[in-house]
Amino acid sequence: MALNIERDEHTGTDTTGHEWDGLKELNTPLPKWWLYTWLACILWALVYFVFFPSFPYGKGYIHGLLGASSRNDVMADVKGFAAERNAVMSKVAAASFDDIRKNPELLAAAQTAGRITFANNCQPCHGAGGAGNPGFPALAAGSWLWGGKLEDIQQTITHGIRSGDDAARDSQMPKFGTDGLLKPEEIQQVADYVSTAFFGLALKDAAPASIAAGKDIFAANCASCHGDNGEGNRDVGAPRLASKIHLYGGTRDLIVRQVTSPHMGVMPNWNGRLDTATIKSVAIYVHDLGGGE
């Protein structure tokens, strides 16, 4: 169908020949500035196509005459940051804890590395901020099995507990019930004594005679490790019983279960996974949680 092109009497511009409901479309030229901008964009795209990475093909792409690569730039930045970190962490590894504390740069680097490493490796067991979980010590509470000084913490992190490492922390509590070392009624009696004397529990069904008998049993079987007054013994990793913080719970039933067949937790030795500087950084972070000595 032929188009009816005519000149609009109001604007003097030719129409395109299209008409809808009496409205005629004008064939108005594009503004010169818009046209030039469009041409400039096309020219810029062609220049960019030649000099910079642009078009993919197969398993590769056109690299451009300049060979620019944002990936290579990022990798170079990462290598640079890693080199800076390694330089600082090498100083952390070589410095004593006292020297690290005195050096703001080293201390900041150690605290940051320790916080990140703790979150990635330790937090699932010990909880956020070292709050602890049943069977996993609350590091922020200051109830240490093996000591809470920086060197003590570093030793524990490095070699672990019952981890199989030659220098691992190790302690063994006898299975008084499973191995028949104590009779069930004797275990109940010692649990009555520990509950009232150390845990501060008010047991309405614990007869004075049972508590007295439990005291004698405790003295004969438990005091050598846990102390006469339940103060614990860090040399053998024996927990402090006279405390509000208990690794496996603080009820009489849980005491009976622990005496009968004790839990023996395992902590990995991190010296096979973390370098010396990172372990020291974690030790500093843990120490700063609030329970360090």
C-alpha atoms as a PDB file:
ATOM      1  CA  MET A   1       0.000   0.000   0.000  1.00  0.00           C
ATOM      2  CA  ALA A   2       1.408   3.388  -0.997  1.00  0.00           C
ATOM      3  CA  LEU A   3       2.127   5.829   1.806  1.00  0.00           C
ATOM      4  CA  ASN A   4       0.382   9.199   1.661  1.00  0.00           C
ATOM      5  CA  ILE A   5       3.307  11.503   2.404  1.00  0.00           C
ATOM      6  CA  GLU A   6       2.436  15.151   2.692  1.00  0.00           C
ATOM      7  CA  ARG A   7       3.796  18.293   4.308  1.00  0.00           C
ATOM      8  CA  ASP A   8       2.333  19.353   7.666  1.00  0.00           C
ATOM      9  CA  GLU A   9       0.937  22.859   7.331  1.00  0.00           C
ATOM     10  CA  HIS A  10       1.739  23.845  10.954  1.00  0.00           C
ATOM     11  CA  THR A  11       5.393  22.716  11.204  1.00  0.00           C
ATOM     12  CA  GLY A  12       6.373  22.524   7.570  1.00  0.00           C
ATOM     13  CA  THR A  13       7.719  18.985   8.167  1.00  0.00           C
ATOM     14  CA  ASP A  14       6.894  16.060   5.930  1.00  0.00           C
ATOM     15  CA  THR A  15       4.820  13.277   7.405  1.00  0.00           C
ATOM     16  CA  THR A  16       5.794   9.606   7.302  1.00  0.00           C
ATOM     17  CA  GLY A  17       2.556   8.665   5.666  1.00  0.00           C
ATOM     18  CA  HIS A  18       1.240   6.928   8.759  1.00  0.00           C
ATOM     19  CA  GLU A  19      -2.016   8.089  10.301  1.00  0.00           C
ATOM     20  CA  TRP A  20      -3.927   6.809  13.356  1.00  0.00           C
ATOM     21  CA  ASP A  21      -7.358   8.171  14.242  1.00  0.00           C
ATOM     22  CA  GLY A  22      -6.637  11.384  12.419  1.00  0.00           C
ATOM     23  CA  LEU A  23      -3.186  11.815  13.961  1.00  0.00           C
ATOM     24  CA  LYS A  24      -0.386  12.023  11.407  1.00  0.00           C
ATOM     25  CA  GLU A  25       3.203  11.034  12.277  1.00  0.00           C
ATOM     26  CA  LEU A  26       5.783  13.650  11.471  1.00  0.00           C
ATOM     27  CA  ASN A  27       9.131  12.638   9.975  1.00  0.00           C
ATOM     28  CA  THR A  28      11.053  14.935  12.333  1.00  0.00           C
ATOM     29  CA  PRO A  29      14.870  14.578  11.990  1.00  0.00           C
ATOM     30  CA  LEU A  30      16.917  13.624  15.060  1.00  0.00           C
ATOM     31  CA  PRO A  31      18.620  16.524  16.859  1.00  0.00           C
ATOM     32  CA  LYS A  32      22.175  17.001  15.633  1.00  0.00           C
ATOM     33  CA  TRP A  33      23.618  16.715  19.141  1.00  0.00           C
ATOM     34  CA  TRP A  34      21.859  13.353  19.643  1.00  0.00           C
ATOM     35  CA  LEU A  35      23.068  12.056  16.301  1.00  0.00           C
ATOM     36  CA  TYR A  36      26.662  13.106  16.945  1.00  0.00           C
ATOM     37  CA  THR A  37      26.569  11.565  20.429  1.00  0.00           C
ATOM     38  CA  TRP A  38      25.289   8.303  18.972  1.00  0.00           C
ATOM     39  CA  LEU A  39      28.039   8.247  16.341  1.00  0.00           C
ATOM     40  CA  ALA A  40      30.655   9.043  19.002  1.00  0.00           C
ATOM     41  CA  CYS A  41      29.425   6.115  21.110  1.00  0.00           C
ATOM     42  CA  ILE A  42      29.737   3.801  18.115  1.00  0.00           C
ATOM     43  CA  LEU A  43      33.262   5.058  17.495  1.00  0.00           C
ATOM     44  CA  TRP A  44      34.191   4.633  21.162  1.00  0.00           C
ATOM     45  CA  ALA A  45      32.833   1.073  21.123  1.00  0.00           C
ATOM     46  CA  LEU A  46      34.969   0.230  18.106  1.00  0.00           C
ATOM     47  CA  VAL A  47      38.087   1.696  19.761  1.00  0.00           C
ATOM     48  CA  TYR A  48      37.339  -0.188  22.989  1.00  0.00           C
ATOM     49  CA  PHE A  49      36.778  -3.385  21.014  1.00  0.00           C
ATOM     50  CA  VAL A  50      40.268  -3.072  19.510  1.00  0.00           C
ATOM     51  CA  PHE A  51      42.257  -2.070  22.592  1.00  0.00           C
ATOM     52  CA  PHE A  52      40.457  -3.859  25.475  1.00  0.00           C
ATOM     53  CA  PRO A  53      39.062  -7.365  26.138  1.00  0.00           C
ATOM     54  CA  SER A  54      35.746  -7.561  24.360  1.00  0.00           C
ATOM     55  CA  PHE A  55      34.355 -10.496  22.469  1.00  0.00           C
ATOM     56  CA  PRO A  56      34.335 -14.133  23.701  1.00  0.00           C
ATOM     57  CA  TYR A  57      34.952 -17.028  21.376  1.00  0.00           C
ATOM     58  CA  GLY A  58      35.153 -20.732  22.184  1.00  0.00           C
ATOM     59  CA  LYS A  59      37.179 -21.067  25.385  1.00  0.00           C
ATOM     60  CA  GLY A  60      38.886 -17.705  25.010  1.00  0.00           C
ATOM     61  CA  TYR A  61      38.197 -14.097  24.224  1.00  0.00           C
ATOM     62  CA  ILE A  62      39.690 -11.156  22.335  1.00  0.00           C
ATOM     63  CA  HIS A  63      42.317  -9.757  24.695  1.00  0.00           C
ATOM     64  CA  GLY A  64      42.723  -6.402  22.979  1.00  0.00           C
ATOM     65  CA  LEU A  65      45.925  -4.629  21.987  1.00  0.00           C
ATOM     66  CA  LEU A  66      46.563  -3.365  25.527  1.00  0.00           C
ATOM     67  CA  GLY A  67      46.163  -6.812  27.095  1.00  0.00           C
ATOM     68  CA  ALA A  68      44.247  -5.319  30.040  1.00  0.00           C
ATOM     69  CA  SER A  69      42.699  -7.746  32.540  1.00  0.00           C
ATOM     70  CA  SER A  70      40.732  -6.810  35.656  1.00  0.00           C
ATOM     71  CA  ARG A  71      41.248 -10.376  36.902  1.00  0.00           C
ATOM     72  CA  ASN A  72      45.013  -9.987  36.682  1.00  0.00           C
ATOM     73  CA  ASP A  73      44.750  -6.636  38.435  1.00  0.00           C
ATOM     74  CA  VAL A  74      42.786  -8.200  41.292  1.00  0.00           C
ATOM     75  CA  MET A  75      45.208 -11.110  41.564  1.00  0.00           C
ATOM     76  CA  ALA A  76      48.118  -8.679  41.684  1.00  0.00           C
ATOM     77  CA  ASP A  77      46.386  -6.751  44.472  1.00  0.00           C
ATOM     78  CA  VAL A  78      45.739  -9.979  46.381  1.00  0.00           C
ATOM     79  CA  LYS A  79      49.389 -10.968  46.064  1.00  0.00           C
ATOM     80  CA  GLY A  80      50.403  -7.543  47.270  1.00  0.00           C
ATOM     81  CA  PHE A  81      48.133  -7.752  50.302  1.00  0.00           C
ATOM     82  CA  ALA A  82      49.388 -11.280  51.023  1.00  0.00           C
ATOM     83  CA  ALA A  83      52.980 -10.076  50.883  1.00  0.00           C
ATOM     84  CA  GLU A  84      52.186  -7.262  53.328  1.00  0.00           C
ATOM     85  CA  ARG A  85      50.362  -9.681  55.643  1.00  0.00           C
ATOM     86  CA  ASN A  86      53.186 -12.216  55.504  1.00  0.00           C
ATOM     87  CA  ALA A  87      55.689  -9.521  56.406  1.00  0.00           C
ATOM     88  CA  VAL A  88      53.666  -8.490  59.471  1.00  0.00           C
ATOM     89  CA  MET A  89      52.823 -12.056  60.501  1.00  0.00           C
ATOM     90  CA  SER A  90      56.490 -13.020  60.254  1.00  0.00           C
ATOM     91  CA  LYS A  91      57.186 -10.363  62.858  1.00  0.00           C
ATOM     92  CA  VAL A  92      54.342 -11.745  65.001  1.00  0.00           C
ATOM     93  CA  ALA A  93      55.846 -15.230  64.792  1.00  0.00           C
ATOM     94  CA  ALA A  94      59.287 -13.988  65.838  1.00  0.00           C
ATOM     95  CA  ALA A  95      58.158 -11.612  68.602  1.00  0.00           C
ATOM     96  CA  SER A  96      57.339 -12.501  72.183  1.00  0.00           C
ATOM     97  CA  PHE A  97      53.840 -11.899  73.526  1.00  0.00           C
ATOM     98  CA  ASP A  98      55.155  -8.920  75.510  1.00  0.00           C
ATOM     99  CA  ASP A  99      56.714  -7.397  72.398  1.00  0.00           C
ATOM    100  CA  ILE A 100      53.498  -7.907  70.435  1.00  0.00           C
ATOM    101  CA  ARG A 101      51.524  -6.152  73.170  1.00  0.00           C
ATOM    102  CA  LYS A 102      53.896  -3.197  73.035  1.00  0.00           C
ATOM    103  CA  ASN A 103      53.701  -2.830  69.239  1.00  0.00           C
ATOM    104  CA  PRO A 104      50.327  -1.401  68.081  1.00  0.00           C
ATOM    105  CA  GLU A 105      50.840  -2.608  64.501  1.00  0.00           C
ATOM    106  CA  LEU A 106      51.650  -6.182  65.489  1.00  0.00           C
ATOM    107  CA  LEU A 107      48.909  -6.267  68.118  1.00  0.00           C
ATOM    108  CA  ALA A 108      46.264  -5.044  65.661  1.00  0.00           C
ATOM    109  CA  ALA A 109      47.380  -7.608  63.066  1.00  0.00           C
ATOM    110  CA  ALA A 110      47.366 -10.427  65.637  1.00  0.00           C
ATOM    111  CA  GLN A 111      43.950  -9.502  67.008  1.00  0.00           C
ATOM    112  CA  THR A 112      42.444  -9.373  63.528  1.00  0.00           C
ATOM    113  CA  ALA A 113      44.010 -12.664  62.450  1.00  0.00           C
ATOM    114  CA  GLY A 114      43.014 -14.283  65.738  1.00  0.00           C
ATOM    115  CA  ARG A 115      39.392 -13.144  65.501  1.00  0.00           C
ATOM    116  CA  ILE A 116      39.007 -14.408  61.928  1.00  0.00           C
ATOM    117  CA  THR A 117      40.771 -17.705  62.613  1.00  0.00           C
ATOM    118  CA  PHE A 118      38.736 -18.304  65.768  1.00  0.00           C
ATOM    119  CA  ALA A 119      35.473 -17.701  63.881  1.00  0.00           C
ATOM    120  CA  ASN A 120      36.490 -20.107  61.120  1.00  0.00           C
ATOM    121  CA  ASN A 121      37.941 -22.902  63.256  1.00  0.00           C
ATOM    122  CA  CYS A 122      37.078 -22.647  66.953  1.00  0.00           C
ATOM    123  CA  GLN A 123      33.677 -20.993  67.214  1.00  0.00           C
ATOM    124  CA  PRO A 124      31.623 -24.069  66.197  1.00  0.00           C
ATOM    125  CA  CYS A 125      32.703 -25.778  69.444  1.00  0.00           C
ATOM    126  CA  HIS A 126      33.573 -22.964  71.824  1.00  0.00           C
ATOM    127  CA  GLY A 127      30.736 -20.671  70.759  1.00  0.00           C
ATOM    128  CA  ALA A 128      30.699 -17.063  69.616  1.00  0.00           C
ATOM    129  CA  GLY A 129      32.917 -14.924  71.802  1.00  0.00           C
ATOM    130  CA  GLY A 130      34.149 -18.047  73.606  1.00  0.00           C
ATOM    131  CA  ALA A 131      30.821 -18.486  75.420  1.00  0.00           C
ATOM    132  CA  GLY A 132      31.249 -22.259  75.365  1.00  0.00           C
ATOM    133  CA  ASN A 133      28.877 -25.175  74.799  1.00  0.00           C
ATOM    134  CA  PRO A 134      28.122 -28.339  76.786  1.00  0.00           C
ATOM    135  CA  GLY A 135      31.354 -30.318  76.733  1.00  0.00           C
ATOM    136  CA  PHE A 136      33.345 -27.414  75.291  1.00  0.00           C
ATOM    137  CA  PRO A 137      34.949 -24.938  77.725  1.00  0.00           C
ATOM    138  CA  ALA A 138      33.724 -21.365  78.004  1.00  0.00           C
ATOM    139  CA  LEU A 139      36.944 -19.541  77.157  1.00  0.00           C
ATOM    140  CA  ALA A 140      35.618 -16.163  78.274  1.00  0.00           C
ATOM    141  CA  ALA A 141      34.765 -17.455  81.753  1.00  0.00           C
ATOM    142  CA  GLY A 142      38.297 -17.990  83.031  1.00  0.00           C
ATOM    143  CA  SER A 143      37.754 -21.552  84.292  1.00  0.00           C
ATOM    144  CA  TRP A 144      40.915 -23.024  82.795  1.00  0.00           C
ATOM    145  CA  LEU A 145      41.798 -26.712  82.844  1.00  0.00           C
ATOM    146  CA  TRP A 146      45.415 -26.190  81.820  1.00  0.00           C
ATOM    147  CA  GLY A 147      46.057 -22.527  82.585  1.00  0.00           C
ATOM    148  CA  GLY A 148      44.956 -19.242  81.101  1.00  0.00           C
ATOM    149  CA  LYS A 149      48.222 -17.413  80.493  1.00  0.00           C
ATOM    150  CA  LEU A 150      49.152 -16.640  76.902  1.00  0.00           C
ATOM    151  CA  GLU A 151      51.846 -19.319  76.847  1.00  0.00           C
ATOM    152  CA  ASP A 152      49.426 -21.879  78.309  1.00  0.00           C
ATOM    153  CA  ILE A 153      46.786 -21.093  75.705  1.00  0.00           C
ATOM    154  CA  GLN A 154      49.349 -21.241  72.904  1.00  0.00           C
ATOM    155  CA  GLN A 155      50.509 -24.660  74.107  1.00  0.00           C
ATOM    156  CA  THR A 156      46.959 -26.003  74.177  1.00  0.00           C
ATOM    157  CA  ILE A 157      46.092 -24.650  70.726  1.00  0.00           C
ATOM    158  CA  THR A 158      49.341 -25.906  69.226  1.00  0.00           C
ATOM    159  CA  HIS A 159      49.247 -29.485  70.477  1.00  0.00           C
ATOM    160  CA  GLY A 160      45.585 -29.982  71.396  1.00  0.00           C
ATOM    161  CA  ILE A 161      44.031 -32.196  74.057  1.00  0.00           C
ATOM    162  CA  ARG A 162      44.100 -35.972  73.622  1.00  0.00           C
ATOM    163  CA  SER A 163      44.771 -35.262  69.961  1.00  0.00           C
ATOM    164  CA  GLY A 164      47.473 -37.848  69.376  1.00  0.00           C
ATOM    165  CA  ASP A 165      50.183 -35.190  69.197  1.00  0.00           C
ATOM    166  CA  ASP A 166      53.275 -36.155  71.163  1.00  0.00           C
ATOM    167  CA  ALA A 167      53.037 -32.984  73.262  1.00  0.00           C
ATOM    168  CA  ALA A 168      49.229 -32.930  73.563  1.00  0.00           C
ATOM    169  CA  ARG A 169      47.542 -32.142  76.849  1.00  0.00           C
ATOM    170  CA  ASP A 170      46.296 -35.384  78.327  1.00  0.00           C
ATOM    171  CA  SER A 171      44.328 -36.450  81.362  1.00  0.00           C
ATOM    172  CA  GLN A 172      42.310 -39.515  82.189  1.00  0.00           C
ATOM    173  CA  MET A 173      39.489 -39.841  84.688  1.00  0.00           C
ATOM    174  CA  PRO A 174      38.813 -43.412  85.809  1.00  0.00           C
ATOM    175  CA  LYS A 175      35.510 -45.001  84.811  1.00  0.00           C
ATOM    176  CA  PHE A 176      34.457 -45.578  88.390  1.00  0.00           C
ATOM    177  CA  GLY A 177      31.158 -47.188  87.469  1.00  0.00           C
ATOM    178  CA  THR A 178      31.880 -48.885  84.147  1.00  0.00           C
ATOM    179  CA  ASP A 179      35.058 -50.500  85.475  1.00  0.00           C
ATOM    180  CA  GLY A 180      33.489 -51.404  88.811  1.00  0.00           C
ATOM    181  CA  LEU A 181      35.805 -49.240  90.882  1.00  0.00           C
ATOM    182  CA  LEU A 182      32.849 -47.927  92.858  1.00  0.00           C
ATOM    183  CA  LYS A 183      29.452 -49.440  93.506  1.00  0.00           C
ATOM    184  CA  PRO A 184      26.356 -47.595  92.249  1.00  0.00           C
ATOM    185  CA  GLU A 185      25.387 -46.542  95.780  1.00  0.00           C
ATOM    186  CA  GLU A 186      28.921 -45.228  96.378  1.00  0.00           C
ATOM    187  CA  ILE A 187      28.730 -43.171  93.165  1.00  0.00           C
ATOM    188  CA  GLN A 188      25.424 -41.773  94.355  1.00  0.00           C
ATOM    189  CA  GLN A 189      26.975 -40.871  97.695  1.00  0.00           C
ATOM    190  CA  VAL A 190      29.957 -39.093  96.163  1.00  0.00           C
ATOM    191  CA  ALA A 191      27.568 -37.250  93.841  1.00  0.00           C
ATOM    192  CA  ASP A 192      25.567 -36.119  96.881  1.00  0.00           C
ATOM    193  CA  TYR A 193      28.751 -34.819  98.485  1.00  0.00           C
ATOM    194  CA  VAL A 194      30.053 -33.031  95.391  1.00  0.00           C
ATOM    195  CA  SER A 195      26.618 -31.529  94.696  1.00  0.00           C
ATOM    196  CA  THR A 196      26.273 -30.034  98.171  1.00  0.00           C
ATOM    197  CA  ALA A 197      29.889 -29.278  99.061  1.00  0.00           C
ATOM    198  CA  PHE A 198      31.130 -27.858  95.753  1.00  0.00           C
ATOM    199  CA  PHE A 199      28.233 -27.222  93.392  1.00  0.00           C
ATOM    200  CA  GLY A 200      26.129 -25.496  96.031  1.00  0.00           C
ATOM    201  CA  LEU A 201      23.035 -27.586  95.315  1.00  0.00           C
ATOM    202  CA  ALA A 202      20.356 -27.972  97.963  1.00  0.00           C
ATOM    203  CA  LEU A 203      19.388 -31.649  97.778  1.00  0.00           C
ATOM    204  CA  LYS A 204      16.286 -32.348  99.827  1.00  0.00           C
ATOM    205  CA  ASP A 205      16.597 -36.118  99.331  1.00  0.00           C
ATOM    206  CA  ALA A 206      20.298 -36.362 100.236  1.00  0.00           C
ATOM    207  CA  ALA A 207      20.654 -37.814 103.714  1.00  0.00           C
ATOM    208  CA  PRO A 208      23.471 -36.461 105.903  1.00  0.00           C
ATOM    209  CA  ALA A 209      24.824 -40.001 106.186  1.00  0.00           C
ATOM    210  CA  SER A 210      25.032 -40.258 102.391  1.00  0.00           C
ATOM    211  CA  ILE A 211      26.877 -36.947 102.141  1.00  0.00           C
ATOM    212  CA  ALA A 212      29.292 -37.968 104.909  1.00  0.00           C
ATOM    213  CA  ALA A 213      29.992 -41.285 103.188  1.00  0.00           C
ATOM    214  CA  GLY A 214      30.474 -39.464  99.892  1.00  0.00           C
ATOM    215  CA  LYS A 215      33.034 -37.195 101.514  1.00  0.00           C
ATOM    216  CA  ASP A 216      35.128 -40.193 102.534  1.00  0.00           C
ATOM    217  CA  ILE A 217      34.822 -41.737  99.075  1.00  0.00           C
ATOM    218  CA  PHE A 218      35.830 -38.428  97.482  1.00  0.00           C
ATOM    219  CA  ALA A 219      38.888 -38.156  99.722  1.00  0.00           C
ATOM    220  CA  ALA A 220      39.984 -41.677  98.855  1.00  0.00           C
ATOM    221  CA  ASN A 221      39.361 -41.600  95.113  1.00  0.00           C
ATOM    222  CA  CYS A 222      38.961 -38.059  93.769  1.00  0.00           C
ATOM    223  CA  ALA A 223      40.850 -35.578  95.955  1.00  0.00           C
ATOM    224  CA  SER A 224      44.251 -36.598  94.549  1.00  0.00           C
ATOM    225  CA  CYS A 225      43.286 -34.912  91.273  1.00  0.00           C
ATOM    226  CA  HIS A 226      40.461 -32.512  92.088  1.00  0.00           C
ATOM    227  CA  GLY A 227      41.900 -31.356  95.423  1.00  0.00           C
ATOM    228  CA  ASP A 228      40.579 -31.749  98.946  1.00  0.00           C
ATOM    229  CA  ASN A 229      38.459 -28.640  98.535  1.00  0.00           C
ATOM    230  CA  GLY A 230      37.549 -29.179  94.889  1.00  0.00           C
ATOM    231  CA  GLU A 231      40.073 -26.577  93.727  1.00  0.00           C
ATOM    232  CA  GLY A 232      41.222 -28.697  90.777  1.00  0.00           C
ATOM    233  CA  ASN A 233      44.719 -29.362  89.505  1.00  0.00           C
ATOM    234  CA  ARG A 234      46.012 -27.825  86.292  1.00  0.00           C
ATOM    235  CA  ASP A 235      49.046 -30.087  86.223  1.00  0.00           C
ATOM    236  CA  VAL A 236      46.778 -33.009  85.339  1.00  0.00           C
ATOM    237  CA  GLY A 237      43.911 -31.076  83.779  1.00  0.00           C
ATOM    238  CA  ALA A 238      41.514 -31.871  86.622  1.00  0.00           C
ATOM    239  CA  PRO A 239      38.564 -29.421  86.633  1.00  0.00           C
ATOM    240  CA  ARG A 240      37.870 -27.118  89.534  1.00  0.00           C
ATOM    241  CA  LEU A 241      34.708 -28.505  91.117  1.00  0.00           C
ATOM    242  CA  ALA A 242      34.184 -25.611  93.528  1.00  0.00           C
ATOM    243  CA  SER A 243      32.964 -23.369  90.747  1.00  0.00           C
ATOM    244  CA  LYS A 244      29.795 -22.130  89.084  1.00  0.00           C
ATOM    245  CA  ILE A 245      31.127 -23.277  85.711  1.00  0.00           C
ATOM    246  CA  HIS A 246      30.919 -26.970  84.886  1.00  0.00           C
ATOM    247  CA  LEU A 247      32.006 -28.502  81.611  1.00  0.00           C
ATOM    248  CA  TYR A 248      29.346 -31.213  81.444  1.00  0.00           C
ATOM    249  CA  GLY A 249      26.628 -29.647  83.569  1.00  0.00           C
ATOM    250  CA  GLY A 250      26.000 -29.009  87.256  1.00  0.00           C
ATOM    251  CA  THR A 251      23.192 -31.353  88.292  1.00  0.00           C
ATOM    252  CA  ARG A 252      23.487 -34.429  90.485  1.00  0.00           C
ATOM    253  CA  ASP A 253      22.368 -36.733  87.677  1.00  0.00           C
ATOM    254  CA  LEU A 254      25.104 -35.382  85.415  1.00  0.00           C
ATOM    255  CA  ILE A 255      27.673 -35.850  88.190  1.00  0.00           C
ATOM    256  CA  VAL A 256      26.585 -39.476  88.556  1.00  0.00           C
ATOM    257  CA  ARG A 257      26.927 -39.973  84.806  1.00  0.00           C
ATOM    258  CA  GLN A 258      30.350 -38.361  84.708  1.00  0.00           C
ATOM    259  CA  VAL A 259      31.678 -40.404  87.622  1.00  0.00           C
ATOM    260  CA  THR A 260      30.210 -43.612  86.202  1.00  0.00           C
ATOM    261  CA  SER A 261      31.563 -43.230  82.659  1.00  0.00           C
ATOM    262  CA  PRO A 262      33.294 -39.880  82.183  1.00  0.00           C
ATOM    263  CA  HIS A 263      33.333 -37.888  78.976  1.00  0.00           C
ATOM    264  CA  MET A 264      36.864 -37.347  77.695  1.00  0.00           C
ATOM    265  CA  GLY A 265      36.841 -34.484  75.226  1.00  0.00           C
ATOM    266  CA  VAL A 266      39.274 -34.134  72.339  1.00  0.00           C
ATOM    267  CA  MET A 267      40.671 -30.907  70.909  1.00  0.00           C
ATOM    268  CA  PRO A 268      42.629 -31.025  67.628  1.00  0.00           C
ATOM    269  CA  ASN A 269      46.282 -30.064  67.515  1.00  0.00           C
ATOM    270  CA  TRP A 270      46.344 -27.035  65.266  1.00  0.00           C
ATOM    271  CA  ASN A 271      50.078 -27.071  64.555  1.00  0.00           C
ATOM    272  CA  GLY A 272      49.388 -29.174  61.463  1.00  0.00           C
ATOM    273  CA  ARG A 273      46.890 -26.669  60.058  1.00  0.00           C
ATOM    274  CA  LEU A 274      47.901 -23.238  61.315  1.00  0.00           C
ATOM    275  CA  ASP A 275      51.301 -21.564  61.305  1.00  0.00           C
ATOM    276  CA  THR A 276      52.995 -20.255  64.426  1.00  0.00           C
ATOM    277  CA  ALA A 277      51.976 -16.641  63.887  1.00  0.00           C
ATOM    278  CA  THR A 278      48.317 -17.560  63.457  1.00  0.00           C
ATOM    279  CA  ILE A 279      48.330 -19.776  66.559  1.00  0.00           C
ATOM    280  CA  LYS A 280      49.841 -16.937  68.581  1.00  0.00           C
ATOM    281  CA  SER A 281      47.196 -14.607  67.170  1.00  0.00           C
ATOM    282  CA  VAL A 282      44.411 -16.964  68.255  1.00  0.00           C
ATOM    283  CA  ALA A 283      46.003 -17.205  71.706  1.00  0.00           C
ATOM    284  CA  ILE A 284      45.936 -13.417  72.003  1.00  0.00           C
ATOM    285  CA  TYR A 285      42.317 -13.256  70.831  1.00  0.00           C
ATOM    286  CA  VAL A 286      41.229 -15.973  73.281  1.00  0.00           C
ATOM    287  CA  HIS A 287      43.150 -14.325  76.093  1.00  0.00           C
ATOM    288  CA  ASP A 288      41.400 -11.030  75.371  1.00  0.00           C
ATOM    289  CA  LEU A 289      37.920 -12.567  75.479  1.00  0.00           C
ATOM    290  CA  GLY A 290      37.836 -11.831  79.190  1.00  0.00           C
ATOM    291  CA  GLY A 291      39.052 -14.997  80.867  1.00  0.00           C
ATOM    292  CA  GLY A 292      42.777 -14.645  80.269  1.00  0.00           C
ATOM    293  CA  GLU A 293      45.208 -14.561  83.151  1.00  0.00           C
END
